[in-house]
Structures are given as C-alpha cells and as structure tokens.
Amino acid sequence: MPVSKKAKIQREHRKGDKEGTRAPVKANGLPVKAPKPTSICANCRKELVNTNLAQLEAHAESHDQKAWPKEKCWPEIFKG
C-alpha cells in the first residue's frame, strides 16, 4: 500500500522529535519565533526591544531630558 504524503510528514516529525532536532511549531504549522531581547525603561517601566537603538533613543527623548536622559532610562545599554 502506498505511503501518503501526510504519513511521510508525520514520520519525519516523530523522527525529529526523537532526535531532538525538530523546530517548535504552532498548532497551525507556522514556526515559533524566538523572543527578542527586551529592556525596561527605568522611568516609565515600558518594555522595548533593546536591539533597536533608534527606538530606545526616541523613547528616551519623550521624557524630560534634564531629569531623565537616555543614559538614565537605559543604563545597561547607554553607558554615560
């Protein structure tokens, strides 16, 4: 009896699960993306992606610049 495409895929998935090499997927079949690293603003506690420096600087400029410069909002990223 011929093996269906669905059975082949299921066999590959079981093999990958056993070996630990299968990438995690959602129920609809899309791959699960790894979470991006984030940082929390020290002033307003807003959580932003810390790899986007332009976004962090723009957010820091929304605060009072004399009291809360970007070095104070994100001390681990912008070393003053």
PDB file of N, CA and C in Angstrom:
ATOM      1  N   MET A   1       0.838  -1.171   0.000  1.00  0.00           N
ATOM      2  CA  MET A   1       0.000   0.000   0.000  1.00  0.00           C
ATOM      3  C   MET A   1       0.894   1.249   0.000  1.00  0.00           C
ATOM      4  N   PRO A   2       0.599   2.237  -0.840  1.00  0.00           N
ATOM      5  CA  PRO A   2       1.456   3.422  -0.909  1.00  0.00           C
ATOM      6  C   PRO A   2       1.355   4.272   0.365  1.00  0.00           C
ATOM      7  N   VAL A   3       2.463   4.922   0.684  1.00  0.00           N
ATOM      8  CA  VAL A   3       2.523   5.780   1.867  1.00  0.00           C
ATOM      9  C   VAL A   3       2.098   7.183   1.448  1.00  0.00           C
ATOM     10  N   SER A   4       1.151   7.754   2.165  1.00  0.00           N
ATOM     11  CA  SER A   4       0.648   9.085   1.820  1.00  0.00           C
ATOM     12  C   SER A   4       1.651  10.163   2.234  1.00  0.00           C
ATOM     13  N   LYS A   5       1.463  11.325   1.654  1.00  0.00           N
ATOM     14  CA  LYS A   5       2.331  12.465   1.976  1.00  0.00           C
ATOM     15  C   LYS A   5       2.196  12.831   3.451  1.00  0.00           C
ATOM     16  N   LYS A   6       0.968  12.780   3.967  1.00  0.00           N
ATOM     17  CA  LYS A   6       0.726  13.098   5.370  1.00  0.00           C
ATOM     18  C   LYS A   6       1.462  12.120   6.293  1.00  0.00           C
ATOM     19  N   ALA A   7       1.455  10.845   5.939  1.00  0.00           N
ATOM     20  CA  ALA A   7       2.148   9.844   6.755  1.00  0.00           C
ATOM     21  C   ALA A   7       3.653  10.060   6.732  1.00  0.00           C
ATOM     22  N   LYS A   8       4.197  10.450   5.559  1.00  0.00           N
ATOM     23  CA  LYS A   8       5.639  10.732   5.470  1.00  0.00           C
ATOM     24  C   LYS A   8       6.017  11.898   6.376  1.00  0.00           C
ATOM     25  N   ILE A   9       5.198  12.941   6.339  1.00  0.00           N
ATOM     26  CA  ILE A   9       5.482  14.120   7.164  1.00  0.00           C
ATOM     27  C   ILE A   9       5.411  13.769   8.644  1.00  0.00           C
ATOM     28  N   GLN A  10       4.390  12.994   9.034  1.00  0.00           N
ATOM     29  CA  GLN A  10       4.265  12.586  10.423  1.00  0.00           C
ATOM     30  C   GLN A  10       5.459  11.744  10.869  1.00  0.00           C
ATOM     31  N   ARG A  11       5.936  10.884   9.986  1.00  0.00           N
ATOM     32  CA  ARG A  11       7.099  10.052  10.294  1.00  0.00           C
ATOM     33  C   ARG A  11       8.341  10.924  10.497  1.00  0.00           C
ATOM     34  N   GLU A  12       8.510  11.921   9.617  1.00  0.00           N
ATOM     35  CA  GLU A  12       9.648  12.839   9.757  1.00  0.00           C
ATOM     36  C   GLU A  12       9.560  13.617  11.066  1.00  0.00           C
ATOM     37  N   HIS A  13       8.346  14.041  11.432  1.00  0.00           N
ATOM     38  CA  HIS A  13       8.176  14.787  12.674  1.00  0.00           C
ATOM     39  C   HIS A  13       8.493  13.918  13.892  1.00  0.00           C
ATOM     40  N   ARG A  14       8.016  12.684  13.887  1.00  0.00           N
ATOM     41  CA  ARG A  14       8.323  11.785  15.004  1.00  0.00           C
ATOM     42  C   ARG A  14       9.821  11.539  15.109  1.00  0.00           C
ATOM     43  N   LYS A  15      10.479  11.345  13.961  1.00  0.00           N
ATOM     44  CA  LYS A  15      11.930  11.118  13.948  1.00  0.00           C
ATOM     45  C   LYS A  15      12.665  12.344  14.494  1.00  0.00           C
ATOM     46  N   GLY A  16      12.230  13.529  14.078  1.00  0.00           N
ATOM     47  CA  GLY A  16      12.857  14.756  14.565  1.00  0.00           C
ATOM     48  C   GLY A  16      12.621  14.981  16.042  1.00  0.00           C
ATOM     49  N   ASP A  17      11.423  14.635  16.515  1.00  0.00           N
ATOM     50  CA  ASP A  17      11.134  14.749  17.949  1.00  0.00           C
ATOM     51  C   ASP A  17      12.018  13.818  18.762  1.00  0.00           C
ATOM     52  N   LYS A  18      12.206  12.598  18.260  1.00  0.00           N
ATOM     53  CA  LYS A  18      13.019  11.616  18.974  1.00  0.00           C
ATOM     54  C   LYS A  18      14.479  12.075  19.058  1.00  0.00           C
ATOM     55  N   GLU A  19      14.986  12.628  17.954  1.00  0.00           N
ATOM     56  CA  GLU A  19      16.384  13.082  17.920  1.00  0.00           C
ATOM     57  C   GLU A  19      16.564  14.447  18.574  1.00  0.00           C
ATOM     58  N   GLY A  20      15.474  15.154  18.785  1.00  0.00           N
ATOM     59  CA  GLY A  20      15.558  16.470  19.390  1.00  0.00           C
ATOM     60  C   GLY A  20      15.975  17.554  18.417  1.00  0.00           C
ATOM     61  N   THR A  21      15.796  17.320  17.119  1.00  0.00           N
ATOM     62  CA  THR A  21      16.221  18.292  16.115  1.00  0.00           C
ATOM     63  C   THR A  21      15.054  19.029  15.480  1.00  0.00           C
ATOM     64  N   ARG A  22      13.837  18.689  15.835  1.00  0.00           N
ATOM     65  CA  ARG A  22      12.677  19.313  15.209  1.00  0.00           C
ATOM     66  C   ARG A  22      12.444  20.697  15.799  1.00  0.00           C
ATOM     67  N   ALA A  23      12.221  21.681  14.938  1.00  0.00           N
ATOM     68  CA  ALA A  23      11.954  23.046  15.383  1.00  0.00           C
ATOM     69  C   ALA A  23      10.542  23.121  15.947  1.00  0.00           C
ATOM     70  N   PRO A  24      10.340  23.901  17.005  1.00  0.00           N
ATOM     71  CA  PRO A  24       8.990  24.018  17.555  1.00  0.00           C
ATOM     72  C   PRO A  24       8.059  24.738  16.586  1.00  0.00           C
ATOM     73  N   VAL A  25       6.829  24.262  16.498  1.00  0.00           N
ATOM     74  CA  VAL A  25       5.835  24.858  15.599  1.00  0.00           C
ATOM     75  C   VAL A  25       4.528  25.076  16.353  1.00  0.00           C
ATOM     76  N   LYS A  26       3.749  26.043  15.879  1.00  0.00           N
ATOM     77  CA  LYS A  26       2.426  26.305  16.440  1.00  0.00           C
ATOM     78  C   LYS A  26       1.451  25.255  15.921  1.00  0.00           C
ATOM     79  N   ALA A  27       0.223  25.283  16.441  1.00  0.00           N
ATOM     80  CA  ALA A  27      -0.785  24.310  16.029  1.00  0.00           C
ATOM     81  C   ALA A  27      -1.147  24.447  14.554  1.00  0.00           C
ATOM     82  N   ASN A  28      -1.013  25.659  14.005  1.00  0.00           N
ATOM     83  CA  ASN A  28      -1.350  25.854  12.595  1.00  0.00           C
ATOM     84  C   ASN A  28      -0.186  25.554  11.662  1.00  0.00           C
ATOM     85  N   GLY A  29       0.950  25.110  12.189  1.00  0.00           N
ATOM     86  CA  GLY A  29       2.082  24.710  11.365  1.00  0.00           C
ATOM     87  C   GLY A  29       3.149  25.763  11.171  1.00  0.00           C
ATOM     88  N   LEU A  30       2.920  26.997  11.646  1.00  0.00           N
ATOM     89  CA  LEU A  30       3.929  28.048  11.500  1.00  0.00           C
ATOM     90  C   LEU A  30       5.022  27.875  12.547  1.00  0.00           C
ATOM     91  N   PRO A  31       6.262  28.212  12.211  1.00  0.00           N
ATOM     92  CA  PRO A  31       7.337  28.062  13.195  1.00  0.00           C
ATOM     93  C   PRO A  31       7.218  29.078  14.327  1.00  0.00           C
ATOM     94  N   VAL A  32       7.674  28.682  15.497  1.00  0.00           N
ATOM     95  CA  VAL A  32       7.665  29.562  16.659  1.00  0.00           C
ATOM     96  C   VAL A  32       8.951  30.373  16.635  1.00  0.00           C
ATOM     97  N   LYS A  33       8.818  31.688  16.664  1.00  0.00           N
ATOM     98  CA  LYS A  33       9.997  32.556  16.658  1.00  0.00           C
ATOM     99  C   LYS A  33      10.536  32.710  18.076  1.00  0.00           C
ATOM    100  N   ALA A  34      11.845  32.856  18.183  1.00  0.00           N
ATOM    101  CA  ALA A  34      12.466  33.080  19.478  1.00  0.00           C
ATOM    102  C   ALA A  34      12.113  34.487  19.954  1.00  0.00           C
ATOM    103  N   PRO A  35      11.898  34.681  21.246  1.00  0.00           N
ATOM    104  CA  PRO A  35      11.567  36.016  21.739  1.00  0.00           C
ATOM    105  C   PRO A  35      12.757  36.963  21.603  1.00  0.00           C
ATOM    106  N   LYS A  36      12.461  38.222  21.288  1.00  0.00           N
ATOM    107  CA  LYS A  36      13.515  39.214  21.139  1.00  0.00           C
ATOM    108  C   LYS A  36      13.934  39.710  22.519  1.00  0.00           C
ATOM    109  N   PRO A  37      15.212  40.061  22.684  1.00  0.00           N
ATOM    110  CA  PRO A  37      15.661  40.570  23.984  1.00  0.00           C
ATOM    111  C   PRO A  37      15.053  41.943  24.249  1.00  0.00           C
ATOM    112  N   THR A  38      14.559  42.156  25.459  1.00  0.00           N
ATOM    113  CA  THR A  38      13.917  43.418  25.802  1.00  0.00           C
ATOM    114  C   THR A  38      14.567  44.052  27.017  1.00  0.00           C
ATOM    115  N   SER A  39      14.345  45.357  27.139  1.00  0.00           N
ATOM    116  CA  SER A  39      14.790  46.112  28.305  1.00  0.00           C
ATOM    117  C   SER A  39      13.632  46.957  28.791  1.00  0.00           C
ATOM    118  N   ILE A  40      13.632  47.270  30.078  1.00  0.00           N
ATOM    119  CA  ILE A  40      12.557  48.060  30.673  1.00  0.00           C
ATOM    120  C   ILE A  40      13.092  49.442  31.004  1.00  0.00           C
ATOM    121  N   CYS A  41      12.340  50.469  30.596  1.00  0.00           N
ATOM    122  CA  CYS A  41      12.721  51.853  30.874  1.00  0.00           C
ATOM    123  C   CYS A  41      12.683  52.074  32.381  1.00  0.00           C
ATOM    124  N   ALA A  42      13.724  52.709  32.917  1.00  0.00           N
ATOM    125  CA  ALA A  42      13.803  52.929  34.356  1.00  0.00           C
ATOM    126  C   ALA A  42      12.803  53.975  34.837  1.00  0.00           C
ATOM    127  N   ASN A  43      12.310  54.826  33.934  1.00  0.00           N
ATOM    128  CA  ASN A  43      11.390  55.883  34.326  1.00  0.00           C
ATOM    129  C   ASN A  43       9.937  55.410  34.282  1.00  0.00           C
ATOM    130  N   CYS A  44       9.479  54.965  33.115  1.00  0.00           N
ATOM    131  CA  CYS A  44       8.055  54.643  32.959  1.00  0.00           C
ATOM    132  C   CYS A  44       7.777  53.143  32.946  1.00  0.00           C
ATOM    133  N   ARG A  45       8.795  52.317  33.046  1.00  0.00           N
ATOM    134  CA  ARG A  45       8.692  50.855  33.095  1.00  0.00           C
ATOM    135  C   ARG A  45       8.140  50.252  31.805  1.00  0.00           C
ATOM    136  N   LYS A  46       8.293  50.963  30.684  1.00  0.00           N
ATOM    137  CA  LYS A  46       7.851  50.436  29.397  1.00  0.00           C
ATOM    138  C   LYS A  46       8.900  49.457  28.873  1.00  0.00           C
ATOM    139  N   GLU A  47       8.448  48.341  28.318  1.00  0.00           N
ATOM    140  CA  GLU A  47       9.349  47.304  27.827  1.00  0.00           C
ATOM    141  C   GLU A  47       9.518  47.462  26.315  1.00  0.00           C
ATOM    142  N   LEU A  48      10.766  47.615  25.869  1.00  0.00           N
ATOM    143  CA  LEU A  48      11.077  47.785  24.453  1.00  0.00           C
ATOM    144  C   LEU A  48      12.178  46.815  24.046  1.00  0.00           C
ATOM    145  N   VAL A  49      12.235  46.507  22.749  1.00  0.00           N
ATOM    146  CA  VAL A  49      13.284  45.640  22.210  1.00  0.00           C
ATOM    147  C   VAL A  49      14.605  46.389  22.303  1.00  0.00           C
ATOM    148  N   ASN A  50      15.606  45.780  22.945  1.00  0.00           N
ATOM    149  CA  ASN A  50      16.843  46.526  23.188  1.00  0.00           C
ATOM    150  C   ASN A  50      17.837  46.472  22.038  1.00  0.00           C
ATOM    151  N   THR A  51      17.524  45.783  20.951  1.00  0.00           N
ATOM    152  CA  THR A  51      18.425  45.782  19.800  1.00  0.00           C
ATOM    153  C   THR A  51      18.136  46.950  18.864  1.00  0.00           C
ATOM    154  N   ASN A  52      16.991  47.600  19.028  1.00  0.00           N
ATOM    155  CA  ASN A  52      16.605  48.733  18.188  1.00  0.00           C
ATOM    156  C   ASN A  52      16.981  50.019  18.922  1.00  0.00           C
ATOM    157  N   LEU A  53      18.224  50.483  18.720  1.00  0.00           N
ATOM    158  CA  LEU A  53      18.727  51.645  19.452  1.00  0.00           C
ATOM    159  C   LEU A  53      17.997  52.927  19.085  1.00  0.00           C
ATOM    160  N   ALA A  54      17.570  53.068  17.831  1.00  0.00           N
ATOM    161  CA  ALA A  54      16.850  54.278  17.419  1.00  0.00           C
ATOM    162  C   ALA A  54      15.520  54.382  18.168  1.00  0.00           C
ATOM    163  N   GLN A  55      14.846  53.261  18.361  1.00  0.00           N
ATOM    164  CA  GLN A  55      13.584  53.269  19.092  1.00  0.00           C
ATOM    165  C   GLN A  55      13.811  53.603  20.564  1.00  0.00           C
ATOM    166  N   LEU A  56      14.894  53.099  21.150  1.00  0.00           N
ATOM    167  CA  LEU A  56      15.194  53.399  22.550  1.00  0.00           C
ATOM    168  C   LEU A  56      15.503  54.879  22.732  1.00  0.00           C
ATOM    169  N   GLU A  57      16.287  55.446  21.804  1.00  0.00           N
ATOM    170  CA  GLU A  57      16.616  56.868  21.900  1.00  0.00           C
ATOM    171  C   GLU A  57      15.367  57.722  21.727  1.00  0.00           C
ATOM    172  N   ALA A  58      14.500  57.369  20.783  1.00  0.00           N
ATOM    173  CA  ALA A  58      13.267  58.126  20.566  1.00  0.00           C
ATOM    174  C   ALA A  58      12.371  58.058  21.799  1.00  0.00           C
ATOM    175  N   HIS A  59      12.322  56.910  22.442  1.00  0.00           N
ATOM    176  CA  HIS A  59      11.510  56.788  23.656  1.00  0.00           C
ATOM    177  C   HIS A  59      12.103  57.629  24.779  1.00  0.00           C
ATOM    178  N   ALA A  60      13.423  57.618  24.920  1.00  0.00           N
ATOM    179  CA  ALA A  60      14.069  58.393  25.983  1.00  0.00           C
ATOM    180  C   ALA A  60      13.851  59.886  25.785  1.00  0.00           C
ATOM    181  N   GLU A  61      13.755  60.331  24.530  1.00  0.00           N
ATOM    182  CA  GLU A  61      13.511  61.751  24.267  1.00  0.00           C
ATOM    183  C   GLU A  61      12.093  62.162  24.633  1.00  0.00           C
ATOM    184  N   SER A  62      11.182  61.220  24.809  1.00  0.00           N
ATOM    185  CA  SER A  62       9.813  61.563  25.199  1.00  0.00           C
ATOM    186  C   SER A  62       9.748  61.968  26.669  1.00  0.00           C
ATOM    187  N   HIS A  63      10.789  61.666  27.455  1.00  0.00           N
ATOM    188  CA  HIS A  63      10.853  62.078  28.864  1.00  0.00           C
ATOM    189  C   HIS A  63      11.540  63.434  28.958  1.00  0.00           C
ATOM    190  N   ASP A  64      11.474  64.032  30.150  1.00  0.00           N
ATOM    191  CA  ASP A  64      12.172  65.289  30.405  1.00  0.00           C
ATOM    192  C   ASP A  64      13.678  65.038  30.284  1.00  0.00           C
ATOM    193  N   GLN A  65      14.341  65.754  29.369  1.00  0.00           N
ATOM    194  CA  GLN A  65      15.748  65.480  29.069  1.00  0.00           C
ATOM    195  C   GLN A  65      16.690  65.858  30.203  1.00  0.00           C
ATOM    196  N   LYS A  66      16.323  66.830  31.022  1.00  0.00           N
ATOM    197  CA  LYS A  66      17.211  67.217  32.131  1.00  0.00           C
ATOM    198  C   LYS A  66      17.140  66.196  33.261  1.00  0.00           C
ATOM    199  N   ALA A  67      15.941  65.700  33.546  1.00  0.00           N
ATOM    200  CA  ALA A  67      15.781  64.757  34.650  1.00  0.00           C
ATOM    201  C   ALA A  67      16.052  63.317  34.221  1.00  0.00           C
ATOM    202  N   TRP A  68      15.632  62.958  32.986  1.00  0.00           N
ATOM    203  CA  TRP A  68      15.763  61.576  32.541  1.00  0.00           C
ATOM    204  C   TRP A  68      16.395  61.499  31.156  1.00  0.00           C
ATOM    205  N   PRO A  69      17.708  61.623  31.044  1.00  0.00           N
ATOM    206  CA  PRO A  69      18.359  61.423  29.740  1.00  0.00           C
ATOM    207  C   PRO A  69      18.369  59.930  29.396  1.00  0.00           C
ATOM    208  N   LYS A  70      18.782  59.621  28.175  1.00  0.00           N
ATOM    209  CA  LYS A  70      18.765  58.217  27.732  1.00  0.00           C
ATOM    210  C   LYS A  70      19.685  57.338  28.566  1.00  0.00           C
ATOM    211  N   GLU A  71      20.763  57.912  29.105  1.00  0.00           N
ATOM    212  CA  GLU A  71      21.678  57.131  29.949  1.00  0.00           C
ATOM    213  C   GLU A  71      21.012  56.700  31.251  1.00  0.00           C
ATOM    214  N   LYS A  72      20.033  57.486  31.701  1.00  0.00           N
ATOM    215  CA  LYS A  72      19.342  57.144  32.942  1.00  0.00           C
ATOM    216  C   LYS A  72      18.175  56.185  32.679  1.00  0.00           C
ATOM    217  N   CYS A  73      17.537  56.312  31.497  1.00  0.00           N
ATOM    218  CA  CYS A  73      16.439  55.396  31.137  1.00  0.00           C
ATOM    219  C   CYS A  73      16.966  53.985  30.901  1.00  0.00           C
ATOM    220  N   TRP A  74      18.068  53.875  30.166  1.00  0.00           N
ATOM    221  CA  TRP A  74      18.630  52.581  29.772  1.00  0.00           C
ATOM    222  C   TRP A  74      20.098  52.525  30.215  1.00  0.00           C
ATOM    223  N   PRO A  75      20.381  52.404  31.515  1.00  0.00           N
ATOM    224  CA  PRO A  75      21.776  52.452  31.983  1.00  0.00           C
ATOM    225  C   PRO A  75      22.650  51.304  31.482  1.00  0.00           C
ATOM    226  N   GLU A  76      22.063  50.126  31.219  1.00  0.00           N
ATOM    227  CA  GLU A  76      22.871  48.991  30.778  1.00  0.00           C
ATOM    228  C   GLU A  76      23.209  49.077  29.288  1.00  0.00           C
ATOM    229  N   ILE A  77      22.468  49.886  28.528  1.00  0.00           N
ATOM    230  CA  ILE A  77      22.705  49.989  27.084  1.00  0.00           C
ATOM    231  C   ILE A  77      23.531  51.226  26.737  1.00  0.00           C
ATOM    232  N   PHE A  78      23.114  52.384  27.278  1.00  0.00           N
ATOM    233  CA  PHE A  78      23.841  53.641  27.008  1.00  0.00           C
ATOM    234  C   PHE A  78      24.691  53.976  28.228  1.00  0.00           C
ATOM    235  N   LYS A  79      25.927  53.587  28.172  1.00  0.00           N
ATOM    236  CA  LYS A  79      26.840  53.874  29.276  1.00  0.00           C
ATOM    237  C   LYS A  79      27.229  55.346  29.205  1.00  0.00           C
ATOM    238  N   GLY A  80      26.988  56.078  30.276  1.00  0.00           N
ATOM    239  CA  GLY A  80      27.205  57.523  30.275  1.00  0.00           C
ATOM    240  C   GLY A  80      28.544  57.868  30.766  1.00  0.00           C
TER     241      GLY A  80
END
